[in-house]
Amino acid sequence: MSLADTARHAGTAFRTFGRTFGVAAALIFGTNAMAAAPVAPTAPVAAAATAPVATDAGAPAAVAAEAAPVDAGSYTPMAPTPGKGMPVDKGWTFQDQYSPTGEEALWMHDVILMPVIVAISLLVLILLVVVVAKFNKRANPVASKTSHNTLIEVVWTLVPVLILVVIAVPSIRLLAHQYDPAPKGAVTVKVTGYQWYWGYTYPDNGGFEVISNMLSDADALKRGEPGQLAVDNRMVVPAGEPIRIQTIGSDVIHAFAVPSLWFKLDAVPGRINEKVLMIKEPGVYYGQCSELCGARHGYMPIAVEALPRDKFEAWVKTQPGGTVGEATEAAAAPAAPAA
């Protein structure tokens, strides 16, 4: 074989090897490059929502609701009012009440229970003083032989009965008012007690959940809130409207309690308890878990922020998946039958 033929055969073999090596390298390194390449970001929800979508006449209303543009809303946490909805220095009685049942309960305590308690205590004290002064051995050396007095027995039987009736009538009425069923259209908030924090779910507004943990004293001071009562995320509700509060425990028994709203309801695992809450005016109202639930029982406070309806809806729109008004109704509407 001539030198030229040898060179040609060597060149052909070299080109074949080069092509084979190139294909193998492309397969190996190209696959790795595709696996490591970043995924292209999807189009924003608002941009996708504004694009025209072809829908059938019988498409569900939920599809149209999803295609509608979403208002992002705006929300600024309300600053608490000193002395309102929170404990005060040297306080010795109940907190001021900001719910209808709270005002009724405070009236019953101040107008009925306290006068009856004071009157009975003074009467017993006076009787004891009279007995000690008049019927001691020195003042009355000969003991009385009286063993029966019909009038006294009738009096001390009837008077306690009348006192109990006076207390029972407003007490039963107050209990009935506290457990009135929620009216139609009331905002529902599901309160879940965890060890050791709270979760607030809004099934009427998209089903999102807000997780609430206690702030440190330093962070609470920066926000102008009381220590060991301030939280990172409050339970936000509309003011002046009935609110259906449903409580449940995820692990052990907790108790959702806000003293200034006269509200307390146990959160029991496997059981949903329900009560209606009405907050008369906007504000921030603090409470705490009132059932011994473990080592950090004292560190799961409650902060309820009551807002006017328009500000409440603006807050809902800031939550992931939060819906209000027509969007909520459209999402909850049953699917229309196919054409």
C-alpha atoms as a PDB file:
ATOM      1  CA  MET A   1       0.000   0.000   0.000  1.00  0.00           C
ATOM      2  CA  SER A   2       1.310   3.389  -0.957  1.00  0.00           C
ATOM      3  CA  LEU A   3       1.908   6.179   1.516  1.00  0.00           C
ATOM      4  CA  ALA A   4      -1.036   8.150   0.057  1.00  0.00           C
ATOM      5  CA  ASP A   5      -3.454   5.204   0.527  1.00  0.00           C
ATOM      6  CA  THR A   6      -2.303   4.775   4.110  1.00  0.00           C
ATOM      7  CA  ALA A   7      -2.895   8.454   4.804  1.00  0.00           C
ATOM      8  CA  ARG A   8      -6.396   8.317   3.298  1.00  0.00           C
ATOM      9  CA  HIS A   9      -7.374   5.262   5.406  1.00  0.00           C
ATOM     10  CA  ALA A  10      -6.021   6.908   8.552  1.00  0.00           C
ATOM     11  CA  GLY A  11      -7.971  10.099   7.835  1.00  0.00           C
ATOM     12  CA  THR A  12     -11.207   8.143   7.296  1.00  0.00           C
ATOM     13  CA  ALA A  13     -10.755   6.245  10.581  1.00  0.00           C
ATOM     14  CA  PHE A  14      -9.959   9.465  12.427  1.00  0.00           C
ATOM     15  CA  ARG A  15     -13.115  11.185  11.060  1.00  0.00           C
ATOM     16  CA  THR A  16     -15.270   8.165  12.026  1.00  0.00           C
ATOM     17  CA  PHE A  17     -13.834   8.183  15.552  1.00  0.00           C
ATOM     18  CA  GLY A  18     -14.394  11.947  15.808  1.00  0.00           C
ATOM     19  CA  ARG A  19     -18.052  11.693  14.799  1.00  0.00           C
ATOM     20  CA  THR A  20     -18.655   8.824  17.240  1.00  0.00           C
ATOM     21  CA  PHE A  21     -16.967  10.695  20.073  1.00  0.00           C
ATOM     22  CA  GLY A  22     -18.940  13.871  19.261  1.00  0.00           C
ATOM     23  CA  VAL A  23     -22.294  12.062  19.320  1.00  0.00           C
ATOM     24  CA  ALA A  24     -21.472  10.358  22.630  1.00  0.00           C
ATOM     25  CA  ALA A  25     -20.322  13.624  24.184  1.00  0.00           C
ATOM     26  CA  ALA A  26     -23.469  15.402  22.987  1.00  0.00           C
ATOM     27  CA  LEU A  27     -25.687  12.709  24.462  1.00  0.00           C
ATOM     28  CA  ILE A  28     -23.908  12.740  27.840  1.00  0.00           C
ATOM     29  CA  PHE A  29     -23.298  16.437  28.355  1.00  0.00           C
ATOM     30  CA  GLY A  30     -26.440  17.598  26.583  1.00  0.00           C
ATOM     31  CA  THR A  31     -28.672  15.478  28.836  1.00  0.00           C
ATOM     32  CA  ASN A  32     -26.953  16.828  31.970  1.00  0.00           C
ATOM     33  CA  ALA A  33     -27.286  20.385  30.712  1.00  0.00           C
ATOM     34  CA  MET A  34     -31.013  19.955  30.113  1.00  0.00           C
ATOM     35  CA  ALA A  35     -31.474  18.456  33.589  1.00  0.00           C
ATOM     36  CA  ALA A  36     -29.588  21.334  35.209  1.00  0.00           C
ATOM     37  CA  ALA A  37     -31.184  24.106  33.155  1.00  0.00           C
ATOM     38  CA  PRO A  38     -33.608  26.303  35.152  1.00  0.00           C
ATOM     39  CA  VAL A  39     -37.290  25.940  34.427  1.00  0.00           C
ATOM     40  CA  ALA A  40     -38.739  28.922  32.682  1.00  0.00           C
ATOM     41  CA  PRO A  41     -41.032  30.899  35.010  1.00  0.00           C
ATOM     42  CA  THR A  42     -44.686  30.614  34.277  1.00  0.00           C
ATOM     43  CA  ALA A  43     -46.712  33.604  33.292  1.00  0.00           C
ATOM     44  CA  PRO A  44     -48.155  35.623  36.176  1.00  0.00           C
ATOM     45  CA  VAL A  45     -51.661  34.735  37.261  1.00  0.00           C
ATOM     46  CA  ALA A  46     -52.950  38.182  36.453  1.00  0.00           C
ATOM     47  CA  ALA A  47     -51.486  38.041  32.913  1.00  0.00           C
ATOM     48  CA  ALA A  48     -52.926  34.594  32.318  1.00  0.00           C
ATOM     49  CA  ALA A  49     -56.262  35.728  33.620  1.00  0.00           C
ATOM     50  CA  THR A  50     -56.445  38.633  31.181  1.00  0.00           C
ATOM     51  CA  ALA A  51     -55.793  36.397  28.148  1.00  0.00           C
ATOM     52  CA  PRO A  52     -58.926  35.438  26.210  1.00  0.00           C
ATOM     53  CA  VAL A  53     -60.150  31.960  27.119  1.00  0.00           C
ATOM     54  CA  ALA A  54     -62.521  30.018  24.910  1.00  0.00           C
ATOM     55  CA  THR A  55     -65.220  28.449  27.087  1.00  0.00           C
ATOM     56  CA  ASP A  56     -68.315  26.454  26.302  1.00  0.00           C
ATOM     57  CA  ALA A  57     -71.726  27.797  27.219  1.00  0.00           C
ATOM     58  CA  GLY A  58     -72.102  25.077  29.835  1.00  0.00           C
ATOM     59  CA  ALA A  59     -68.692  25.585  31.493  1.00  0.00           C
ATOM     60  CA  PRO A  60     -68.741  25.768  35.295  1.00  0.00           C
ATOM     61  CA  ALA A  61     -68.973  29.178  36.882  1.00  0.00           C
ATOM     62  CA  ALA A  62     -65.776  28.406  38.813  1.00  0.00           C
ATOM     63  CA  VAL A  63     -63.769  28.509  35.565  1.00  0.00           C
ATOM     64  CA  ALA A  64     -65.019  32.012  34.834  1.00  0.00           C
ATOM     65  CA  ALA A  65     -64.188  33.040  38.383  1.00  0.00           C
ATOM     66  CA  GLU A  66     -60.632  31.724  38.014  1.00  0.00           C
ATOM     67  CA  ALA A  67     -60.240  33.636  34.747  1.00  0.00           C
ATOM     68  CA  ALA A  68     -61.297  36.929  36.358  1.00  0.00           C
ATOM     69  CA  PRO A  69     -58.517  39.312  37.484  1.00  0.00           C
ATOM     70  CA  VAL A  70     -57.717  39.161  41.194  1.00  0.00           C
ATOM     71  CA  ASP A  71     -57.526  42.308  43.332  1.00  0.00           C
ATOM     72  CA  ALA A  72     -54.410  42.035  45.478  1.00  0.00           C
ATOM     73  CA  GLY A  73     -55.993  44.120  48.249  1.00  0.00           C
ATOM     74  CA  SER A  74     -54.110  45.986  50.946  1.00  0.00           C
ATOM     75  CA  TYR A  75     -53.849  45.624  54.702  1.00  0.00           C
ATOM     76  CA  THR A  76     -52.058  47.420  57.517  1.00  0.00           C
ATOM     77  CA  PRO A  77     -52.335  45.868  61.002  1.00  0.00           C
ATOM     78  CA  MET A  78     -54.400  48.010  63.345  1.00  0.00           C
ATOM     79  CA  ALA A  79     -52.618  49.558  66.310  1.00  0.00           C
ATOM     80  CA  PRO A  80     -54.169  48.477  69.633  1.00  0.00           C
ATOM     81  CA  THR A  81     -55.816  51.031  71.910  1.00  0.00           C
ATOM     82  CA  PRO A  82     -54.213  51.099  75.383  1.00  0.00           C
ATOM     83  CA  GLY A  83     -56.588  49.628  77.954  1.00  0.00           C
ATOM     84  CA  LYS A  84     -59.035  48.337  75.345  1.00  0.00           C
ATOM     85  CA  GLY A  85     -59.323  44.593  74.885  1.00  0.00           C
ATOM     86  CA  MET A  86     -56.350  43.894  77.138  1.00  0.00           C
ATOM     87  CA  PRO A  87     -55.459  43.663  80.850  1.00  0.00           C
ATOM     88  CA  VAL A  88     -54.727  46.925  82.651  1.00  0.00           C
ATOM     89  CA  ASP A  89     -52.470  47.730  85.592  1.00  0.00           C
ATOM     90  CA  LYS A  90     -54.168  47.330  88.983  1.00  0.00           C
ATOM     91  CA  GLY A  91     -57.302  45.956  87.352  1.00  0.00           C
ATOM     92  CA  TRP A  92     -59.471  44.074  89.832  1.00  0.00           C
ATOM     93  CA  THR A  93     -62.696  43.347  87.983  1.00  0.00           C
ATOM     94  CA  PHE A  94     -63.754  42.230  84.518  1.00  0.00           C
ATOM     95  CA  GLN A  95     -62.389  43.948  81.428  1.00  0.00           C
ATOM     96  CA  ASP A  96     -64.652  46.369  79.572  1.00  0.00           C
ATOM     97  CA  GLN A  97     -66.927  44.427  77.248  1.00  0.00           C
ATOM     98  CA  TYR A  98     -67.260  44.938  73.487  1.00  0.00           C
ATOM     99  CA  SER A  99     -69.819  42.272  72.572  1.00  0.00           C
ATOM    100  CA  PRO A 100     -73.589  42.168  73.246  1.00  0.00           C
ATOM    101  CA  THR A 101     -73.339  39.043  75.411  1.00  0.00           C
ATOM    102  CA  GLY A 102     -70.404  40.561  77.254  1.00  0.00           C
ATOM    103  CA  GLU A 103     -72.372  43.687  78.081  1.00  0.00           C
ATOM    104  CA  GLU A 104     -75.315  41.585  79.260  1.00  0.00           C
ATOM    105  CA  ALA A 105     -73.061  39.385  81.396  1.00  0.00           C
ATOM    106  CA  LEU A 106     -71.278  42.391  82.922  1.00  0.00           C
ATOM    107  CA  TRP A 107     -74.646  43.994  83.723  1.00  0.00           C
ATOM    108  CA  MET A 108     -75.803  40.808  85.431  1.00  0.00           C
ATOM    109  CA  HIS A 109     -72.603  40.673  87.468  1.00  0.00           C
ATOM    110  CA  ASP A 110     -72.702  44.337  88.526  1.00  0.00           C
ATOM    111  CA  VAL A 111     -76.461  44.770  89.036  1.00  0.00           C
ATOM    112  CA  ILE A 112     -77.627  41.360  90.303  1.00  0.00           C
ATOM    113  CA  LEU A 113     -74.824  39.098  91.505  1.00  0.00           C
ATOM    114  CA  MET A 114     -72.632  41.598  93.357  1.00  0.00           C
ATOM    115  CA  PRO A 115     -75.504  43.237  95.326  1.00  0.00           C
ATOM    116  CA  VAL A 116     -76.848  39.800  96.312  1.00  0.00           C
ATOM    117  CA  ILE A 117     -73.385  38.592  97.329  1.00  0.00           C
ATOM    118  CA  VAL A 118     -72.688  41.733  99.385  1.00  0.00           C
ATOM    119  CA  ALA A 119     -76.123  41.645 101.066  1.00  0.00           C
ATOM    120  CA  ILE A 120     -75.828  37.979 102.057  1.00  0.00           C
ATOM    121  CA  SER A 121     -72.266  38.440 103.314  1.00  0.00           C
ATOM    122  CA  LEU A 122     -73.256  41.444 105.444  1.00  0.00           C
ATOM    123  CA  LEU A 123     -76.316  39.639 106.825  1.00  0.00           C
ATOM    124  CA  VAL A 124     -74.253  36.609 107.859  1.00  0.00           C
ATOM    125  CA  LEU A 125     -71.600  38.881 109.411  1.00  0.00           C
ATOM    126  CA  ILE A 126     -74.230  40.786 111.408  1.00  0.00           C
ATOM    127  CA  LEU A 127     -75.824  37.550 112.640  1.00  0.00           C
ATOM    128  CA  LEU A 128     -72.443  36.216 113.751  1.00  0.00           C
ATOM    129  CA  VAL A 129     -71.662  39.406 115.629  1.00  0.00           C
ATOM    130  CA  VAL A 130     -75.083  39.312 117.357  1.00  0.00           C
ATOM    131  CA  VAL A 131     -74.617  35.668 118.364  1.00  0.00           C
ATOM    132  CA  VAL A 132     -71.115  36.299 119.705  1.00  0.00           C
ATOM    133  CA  ALA A 133     -72.191  39.394 121.653  1.00  0.00           C
ATOM    134  CA  LYS A 134     -75.592  38.295 122.955  1.00  0.00           C
ATOM    135  CA  PHE A 135     -75.367  34.546 123.388  1.00  0.00           C
ATOM    136  CA  ASN A 136     -71.973  34.025 124.932  1.00  0.00           C
ATOM    137  CA  LYS A 137     -71.632  32.335 128.331  1.00  0.00           C
ATOM    138  CA  ARG A 138     -70.984  35.541 130.226  1.00  0.00           C
ATOM    139  CA  ALA A 139     -73.971  37.476 128.805  1.00  0.00           C
ATOM    140  CA  ASN A 140     -76.315  34.514 128.807  1.00  0.00           C
ATOM    141  CA  PRO A 141     -75.305  32.004 131.492  1.00  0.00           C
ATOM    142  CA  VAL A 142     -78.533  30.038 131.121  1.00  0.00           C
ATOM    143  CA  ALA A 143     -78.710  28.551 127.617  1.00  0.00           C
ATOM    144  CA  SER A 144     -81.987  28.756 125.700  1.00  0.00           C
ATOM    145  CA  LYS A 145     -84.010  25.561 125.420  1.00  0.00           C
ATOM    146  CA  THR A 146     -85.694  26.614 122.155  1.00  0.00           C
ATOM    147  CA  SER A 147     -85.587  23.733 119.661  1.00  0.00           C
ATOM    148  CA  HIS A 148     -88.164  24.723 117.045  1.00  0.00           C
ATOM    149  CA  ASN A 149     -89.491  27.925 115.462  1.00  0.00           C
ATOM    150  CA  THR A 150     -91.858  27.541 112.542  1.00  0.00           C
ATOM    151  CA  LEU A 151     -91.601  31.144 111.342  1.00  0.00           C
ATOM    152  CA  ILE A 152     -87.809  31.125 111.210  1.00  0.00           C
ATOM    153  CA  GLU A 153     -87.739  27.816 109.335  1.00  0.00           C
ATOM    154  CA  VAL A 154     -90.249  29.101 106.756  1.00  0.00           C
ATOM    155  CA  VAL A 155     -88.275  32.300 106.283  1.00  0.00           C
ATOM    156  CA  TRP A 156     -84.882  30.654 105.862  1.00  0.00           C
ATOM    157  CA  THR A 157     -86.401  28.224 103.348  1.00  0.00           C
ATOM    158  CA  LEU A 158     -88.345  30.701 101.181  1.00  0.00           C
ATOM    159  CA  VAL A 159     -85.837  33.555 101.099  1.00  0.00           C
ATOM    160  CA  PRO A 160     -83.021  31.464  99.523  1.00  0.00           C
ATOM    161  CA  VAL A 161     -85.506  30.093  96.989  1.00  0.00           C
ATOM    162  CA  LEU A 162     -86.527  33.624  95.981  1.00  0.00           C
ATOM    163  CA  ILE A 163     -82.876  34.670  95.729  1.00  0.00           C
ATOM    164  CA  LEU A 164     -82.122  31.726  93.450  1.00  0.00           C
ATOM    165  CA  VAL A 165     -85.090  32.566  91.229  1.00  0.00           C
ATOM    166  CA  VAL A 166     -83.908  36.173  90.914  1.00  0.00           C
ATOM    167  CA  ILE A 167     -80.490  34.906  89.851  1.00  0.00           C
ATOM    168  CA  ALA A 168     -81.749  32.080  87.628  1.00  0.00           C
ATOM    169  CA  VAL A 169     -83.970  34.103  85.282  1.00  0.00           C
ATOM    170  CA  PRO A 170     -81.286  36.441  83.831  1.00  0.00           C
ATOM    171  CA  SER A 171     -78.683  33.672  84.051  1.00  0.00           C
ATOM    172  CA  ILE A 172     -80.687  31.307  81.847  1.00  0.00           C
ATOM    173  CA  ARG A 173     -81.452  34.137  79.450  1.00  0.00           C
ATOM    174  CA  LEU A 174     -77.731  34.936  79.198  1.00  0.00           C
ATOM    175  CA  LEU A 175     -76.870  31.295  78.510  1.00  0.00           C
ATOM    176  CA  ALA A 176     -79.512  31.128  75.794  1.00  0.00           C
ATOM    177  CA  HIS A 177     -78.150  34.272  74.128  1.00  0.00           C
ATOM    178  CA  GLN A 178     -74.604  32.893  74.150  1.00  0.00           C
ATOM    179  CA  TYR A 179     -75.681  29.774  72.270  1.00  0.00           C
ATOM    180  CA  ASP A 180     -78.055  31.277  69.723  1.00  0.00           C
ATOM    181  CA  PRO A 181     -77.436  29.624  66.328  1.00  0.00           C
ATOM    182  CA  ALA A 182     -75.505  31.619  63.767  1.00  0.00           C
ATOM    183  CA  PRO A 183     -77.718  33.420  61.235  1.00  0.00           C
ATOM    184  CA  LYS A 184     -77.489  32.717  57.542  1.00  0.00           C
ATOM    185  CA  GLY A 185     -74.612  34.538  55.915  1.00  0.00           C
ATOM    186  CA  ALA A 186     -72.488  34.767  59.061  1.00  0.00           C
ATOM    187  CA  VAL A 187     -68.738  34.676  58.464  1.00  0.00           C
ATOM    188  CA  THR A 188     -67.287  31.327  59.543  1.00  0.00           C
ATOM    189  CA  VAL A 189     -63.870  31.051  61.182  1.00  0.00           C
ATOM    190  CA  LYS A 190     -62.547  27.626  62.140  1.00  0.00           C
ATOM    191  CA  VAL A 191     -60.168  27.906  65.096  1.00  0.00           C
ATOM    192  CA  THR A 192     -57.708  25.014  65.481  1.00  0.00           C
ATOM    193  CA  GLY A 193     -55.619  24.637  68.611  1.00  0.00           C
ATOM    194  CA  TYR A 194     -52.145  23.219  68.080  1.00  0.00           C
ATOM    195  CA  GLN A 195     -49.301  22.568  70.533  1.00  0.00           C
ATOM    196  CA  TRP A 196     -48.621  25.440  70.971  1.00  0.00           C
ATOM    197  CA  TYR A 197     -50.107  27.946  68.554  1.00  0.00           C
ATOM    198  CA  TRP A 198     -53.398  28.732  66.827  1.00  0.00           C
ATOM    199  CA  GLY A 199     -54.626  28.288  63.276  1.00  0.00           C
ATOM    200  CA  TYR A 200     -57.524  30.273  61.786  1.00  0.00           C
ATOM    201  CA  THR A 201     -59.240  28.901  58.674  1.00  0.00           C
ATOM    202  CA  TYR A 202     -61.747  30.909  56.605  1.00  0.00           C
ATOM    203  CA  PRO A 203     -63.921  28.402  54.678  1.00  0.00           C
ATOM    204  CA  ASP A 204     -66.248  31.154  53.392  1.00  0.00           C
ATOM    205  CA  ASN A 205     -63.384  33.121  51.874  1.00  0.00           C
ATOM    206  CA  GLY A 206     -61.358  30.550  49.987  1.00  0.00           C
ATOM    207  CA  GLY A 207     -60.397  28.147  52.758  1.00  0.00           C
ATOM    208  CA  PHE A 208     -56.988  29.656  53.548  1.00  0.00           C
ATOM    209  CA  GLU A 209     -55.468  29.202  57.017  1.00  0.00           C
ATOM    210  CA  VAL A 210     -53.595  31.788  59.071  1.00  0.00           C
ATOM    211  CA  ILE A 211     -51.017  30.437  61.551  1.00  0.00           C
ATOM    212  CA  SER A 212     -50.597  32.561  64.680  1.00  0.00           C
ATOM    213  CA  ASN A 213     -47.574  32.407  66.997  1.00  0.00           C
ATOM    214  CA  MET A 214     -46.603  34.567  69.961  1.00  0.00           C
ATOM    215  CA  LEU A 215     -44.125  37.390  69.381  1.00  0.00           C
ATOM    216  CA  SER A 216     -41.133  37.907  71.606  1.00  0.00           C
ATOM    217  CA  ASP A 217     -41.336  40.746  74.114  1.00  0.00           C
ATOM    218  CA  ALA A 218     -38.868  42.786  72.053  1.00  0.00           C
ATOM    219  CA  ASP A 219     -40.909  42.405  68.850  1.00  0.00           C
ATOM    220  CA  ALA A 220     -44.147  43.147  70.702  1.00  0.00           C
ATOM    221  CA  LEU A 221     -42.614  46.334  72.132  1.00  0.00           C
ATOM    222  CA  LYS A 222     -41.542  47.453  68.656  1.00  0.00           C
ATOM    223  CA  ARG A 223     -45.128  47.062  67.447  1.00  0.00           C
ATOM    224  CA  GLY A 224     -46.569  48.840  70.480  1.00  0.00           C
ATOM    225  CA  GLU A 225     -48.388  45.754  71.772  1.00  0.00           C
ATOM    226  CA  PRO A 226     -48.490  44.078  75.203  1.00  0.00           C
ATOM    227  CA  GLY A 227     -45.854  41.434  75.860  1.00  0.00           C
ATOM    228  CA  GLN A 228     -46.859  37.743  75.799  1.00  0.00           C
ATOM    229  CA  LEU A 229     -50.165  38.729  74.137  1.00  0.00           C
ATOM    230  CA  ALA A 230     -48.983  39.986  70.740  1.00  0.00           C
ATOM    231  CA  VAL A 231     -48.849  37.551  67.807  1.00  0.00           C
ATOM    232  CA  ASP A 232     -47.346  37.583  64.340  1.00  0.00           C
ATOM    233  CA  ASN A 233     -50.671  36.928  62.553  1.00  0.00           C
ATOM    234  CA  ARG A 234     -53.993  37.921  64.100  1.00  0.00           C
ATOM    235  CA  MET A 235     -57.434  36.467  63.619  1.00  0.00           C
ATOM    236  CA  VAL A 236     -59.083  39.169  61.495  1.00  0.00           C
ATOM    237  CA  VAL A 237     -62.885  39.396  61.438  1.00  0.00           C
ATOM    238  CA  PRO A 238     -65.493  41.988  60.437  1.00  0.00           C
ATOM    239  CA  ALA A 239     -66.863  44.213  63.188  1.00  0.00           C
ATOM    240  CA  GLY A 240     -70.597  44.612  63.799  1.00  0.00           C
ATOM    241  CA  GLU A 241     -71.484  41.269  62.200  1.00  0.00           C
ATOM    242  CA  PRO A 242     -72.230  37.824  63.640  1.00  0.00           C
ATOM    243  CA  ILE A 243     -69.256  35.480  63.306  1.00  0.00           C
ATOM    244  CA  ARG A 244     -69.580  31.703  63.482  1.00  0.00           C
ATOM    245  CA  ILE A 245     -66.629  30.447  65.528  1.00  0.00           C
ATOM    246  CA  GLN A 246     -65.909  26.721  65.218  1.00  0.00           C
ATOM    247  CA  THR A 247     -63.203  25.256  67.445  1.00  0.00           C
ATOM    248  CA  ILE A 248     -61.329  21.959  67.278  1.00  0.00           C
ATOM    249  CA  GLY A 249     -58.087  20.637  68.764  1.00  0.00           C
ATOM    250  CA  SER A 250     -55.448  18.945  66.635  1.00  0.00           C
ATOM    251  CA  ASP A 251     -53.722  17.125  69.490  1.00  0.00           C
ATOM    252  CA  VAL A 252     -55.061  17.879  73.003  1.00  0.00           C
ATOM    253  CA  ILE A 253     -57.836  20.017  74.477  1.00  0.00           C
ATOM    254  CA  HIS A 254     -57.309  23.769  74.167  1.00  0.00           C
ATOM    255  CA  ALA A 255     -59.695  26.641  74.976  1.00  0.00           C
ATOM    256  CA  PHE A 256     -60.196  29.737  72.834  1.00  0.00           C
ATOM    257  CA  ALA A 257     -60.913  32.583  75.266  1.00  0.00           C
ATOM    258  CA  VAL A 258     -61.045  36.385  74.869  1.00  0.00           C
ATOM    259  CA  PRO A 259     -62.112  38.078  78.157  1.00  0.00           C
ATOM    260  CA  SER A 260     -63.113  41.465  76.704  1.00  0.00           C
ATOM    261  CA  LEU A 261     -65.534  39.722  74.307  1.00  0.00           C
ATOM    262  CA  TRP A 262     -66.936  37.374  76.978  1.00  0.00           C
ATOM    263  CA  PHE A 263     -66.032  34.444  74.757  1.00  0.00           C
ATOM    264  CA  LYS A 264     -64.659  31.064  75.764  1.00  0.00           C
ATOM    265  CA  LEU A 265     -65.040  27.797  73.851  1.00  0.00           C
ATOM    266  CA  ASP A 266     -63.134  24.532  74.224  1.00  0.00           C
ATOM    267  CA  ALA A 267     -61.205  23.114  71.254  1.00  0.00           C
ATOM    268  CA  VAL A 268     -61.523  19.329  71.560  1.00  0.00           C
ATOM    269  CA  PRO A 269     -59.806  16.828  69.210  1.00  0.00           C
ATOM    270  CA  GLY A 270     -62.299  15.038  66.985  1.00  0.00           C
ATOM    271  CA  ARG A 271     -65.171  17.378  67.868  1.00  0.00           C
ATOM    272  CA  ILE A 272     -66.275  20.727  66.461  1.00  0.00           C
ATOM    273  CA  ASN A 273     -67.782  23.178  68.954  1.00  0.00           C
ATOM    274  CA  GLU A 274     -69.614  26.231  67.664  1.00  0.00           C
ATOM    275  CA  LYS A 275     -70.633  29.579  69.087  1.00  0.00           C
ATOM    276  CA  VAL A 276     -71.530  32.986  67.692  1.00  0.00           C
ATOM    277  CA  LEU A 277     -69.329  36.008  68.320  1.00  0.00           C
ATOM    278  CA  MET A 278     -70.371  39.610  67.694  1.00  0.00           C
ATOM    279  CA  ILE A 279     -67.816  42.410  68.122  1.00  0.00           C
ATOM    280  CA  LYS A 280     -69.540  45.771  68.380  1.00  0.00           C
ATOM    281  CA  GLU A 281     -66.707  48.042  67.236  1.00  0.00           C
ATOM    282  CA  PRO A 282     -63.319  47.837  65.492  1.00  0.00           C
ATOM    283  CA  GLY A 283     -60.310  47.159  67.666  1.00  0.00           C
ATOM    284  CA  VAL A 284     -57.728  44.619  68.772  1.00  0.00           C
ATOM    285  CA  TYR A 285     -58.803  42.209  71.522  1.00  0.00           C
ATOM    286  CA  TYR A 286     -56.419  39.865  73.310  1.00  0.00           C
ATOM    287  CA  GLY A 287     -56.909  36.499  74.972  1.00  0.00           C
ATOM    288  CA  GLN A 288     -55.093  33.279  75.824  1.00  0.00           C
ATOM    289  CA  CYS A 289     -55.582  29.533  75.761  1.00  0.00           C
ATOM    290  CA  SER A 290     -57.580  28.747  78.916  1.00  0.00           C
ATOM    291  CA  GLU A 291     -57.102  24.991  79.094  1.00  0.00           C
ATOM    292  CA  LEU A 292     -53.906  23.430  80.446  1.00  0.00           C
ATOM    293  CA  CYS A 293     -52.551  21.923  77.218  1.00  0.00           C
ATOM    294  CA  GLY A 294     -48.889  21.212  77.886  1.00  0.00           C
ATOM    295  CA  ALA A 295     -45.503  22.726  78.612  1.00  0.00           C
ATOM    296  CA  ARG A 296     -46.051  25.907  76.558  1.00  0.00           C
ATOM    297  CA  HIS A 297     -49.683  26.414  77.482  1.00  0.00           C
ATOM    298  CA  GLY A 298     -48.921  29.936  78.695  1.00  0.00           C
ATOM    299  CA  TYR A 299     -47.332  30.928  75.381  1.00  0.00           C
ATOM    300  CA  MET A 300     -50.172  30.610  72.882  1.00  0.00           C
ATOM    301  CA  PRO A 301     -51.988  33.956  73.080  1.00  0.00           C
ATOM    302  CA  ILE A 302     -54.913  35.096  70.961  1.00  0.00           C
ATOM    303  CA  ALA A 303     -55.234  38.406  69.121  1.00  0.00           C
ATOM    304  CA  VAL A 304     -58.546  39.198  67.410  1.00  0.00           C
ATOM    305  CA  GLU A 305     -58.617  42.197  65.092  1.00  0.00           C
ATOM    306  CA  ALA A 306     -62.093  43.496  64.212  1.00  0.00           C
ATOM    307  CA  LEU A 307     -62.239  45.657  61.085  1.00  0.00           C
ATOM    308  CA  PRO A 308     -64.995  47.364  59.084  1.00  0.00           C
ATOM    309  CA  ARG A 309     -66.331  45.189  56.282  1.00  0.00           C
ATOM    310  CA  ASP A 310     -64.392  46.919  53.477  1.00  0.00           C
ATOM    311  CA  LYS A 311     -61.073  46.654  55.335  1.00  0.00           C
ATOM    312  CA  PHE A 312     -61.788  43.043  56.228  1.00  0.00           C
ATOM    313  CA  GLU A 313     -62.312  42.228  52.560  1.00  0.00           C
ATOM    314  CA  ALA A 314     -59.084  44.041  51.693  1.00  0.00           C
ATOM    315  CA  TRP A 315     -57.283  41.856  54.230  1.00  0.00           C
ATOM    316  CA  VAL A 316     -58.856  38.699  52.760  1.00  0.00           C
ATOM    317  CA  LYS A 317     -57.522  39.628  49.329  1.00  0.00           C
ATOM    318  CA  THR A 318     -53.979  39.712  50.708  1.00  0.00           C
ATOM    319  CA  GLN A 319     -54.217  36.048  51.731  1.00  0.00           C
ATOM    320  CA  PRO A 320     -53.292  33.223  49.322  1.00  0.00           C
ATOM    321  CA  GLY A 321     -56.523  32.081  47.688  1.00  0.00           C
ATOM    322  CA  GLY A 322     -58.638  34.612  49.578  1.00  0.00           C
ATOM    323  CA  THR A 323     -61.956  35.456  47.908  1.00  0.00           C
ATOM    324  CA  VAL A 324     -64.813  37.795  48.791  1.00  0.00           C
ATOM    325  CA  GLY A 325     -68.213  38.757  47.448  1.00  0.00           C
ATOM    326  CA  GLU A 326     -69.076  37.546  43.969  1.00  0.00           C
ATOM    327  CA  ALA A 327     -65.816  35.613  43.635  1.00  0.00           C
ATOM    328  CA  THR A 328     -66.701  33.566  46.713  1.00  0.00           C
ATOM    329  CA  GLU A 329     -70.223  32.878  45.443  1.00  0.00           C
ATOM    330  CA  ALA A 330     -68.914  31.878  42.000  1.00  0.00           C
ATOM    331  CA  ALA A 331     -66.365  29.514  43.508  1.00  0.00           C
ATOM    332  CA  ALA A 332     -69.021  27.914  45.725  1.00  0.00           C
ATOM    333  CA  ALA A 333     -71.649  27.635  42.967  1.00  0.00           C
ATOM    334  CA  PRO A 334     -72.359  24.070  41.714  1.00  0.00           C
ATOM    335  CA  ALA A 335     -71.100  23.177  38.255  1.00  0.00           C
ATOM    336  CA  ALA A 336     -73.669  23.649  35.488  1.00  0.00           C
ATOM    337  CA  PRO A 337     -74.617  20.535  33.491  1.00  0.00           C
ATOM    338  CA  ALA A 338     -72.783  20.079  30.220  1.00  0.00           C
ATOM    339  CA  ALA A 339     -74.611  21.197  27.097  1.00  0.00           C
END
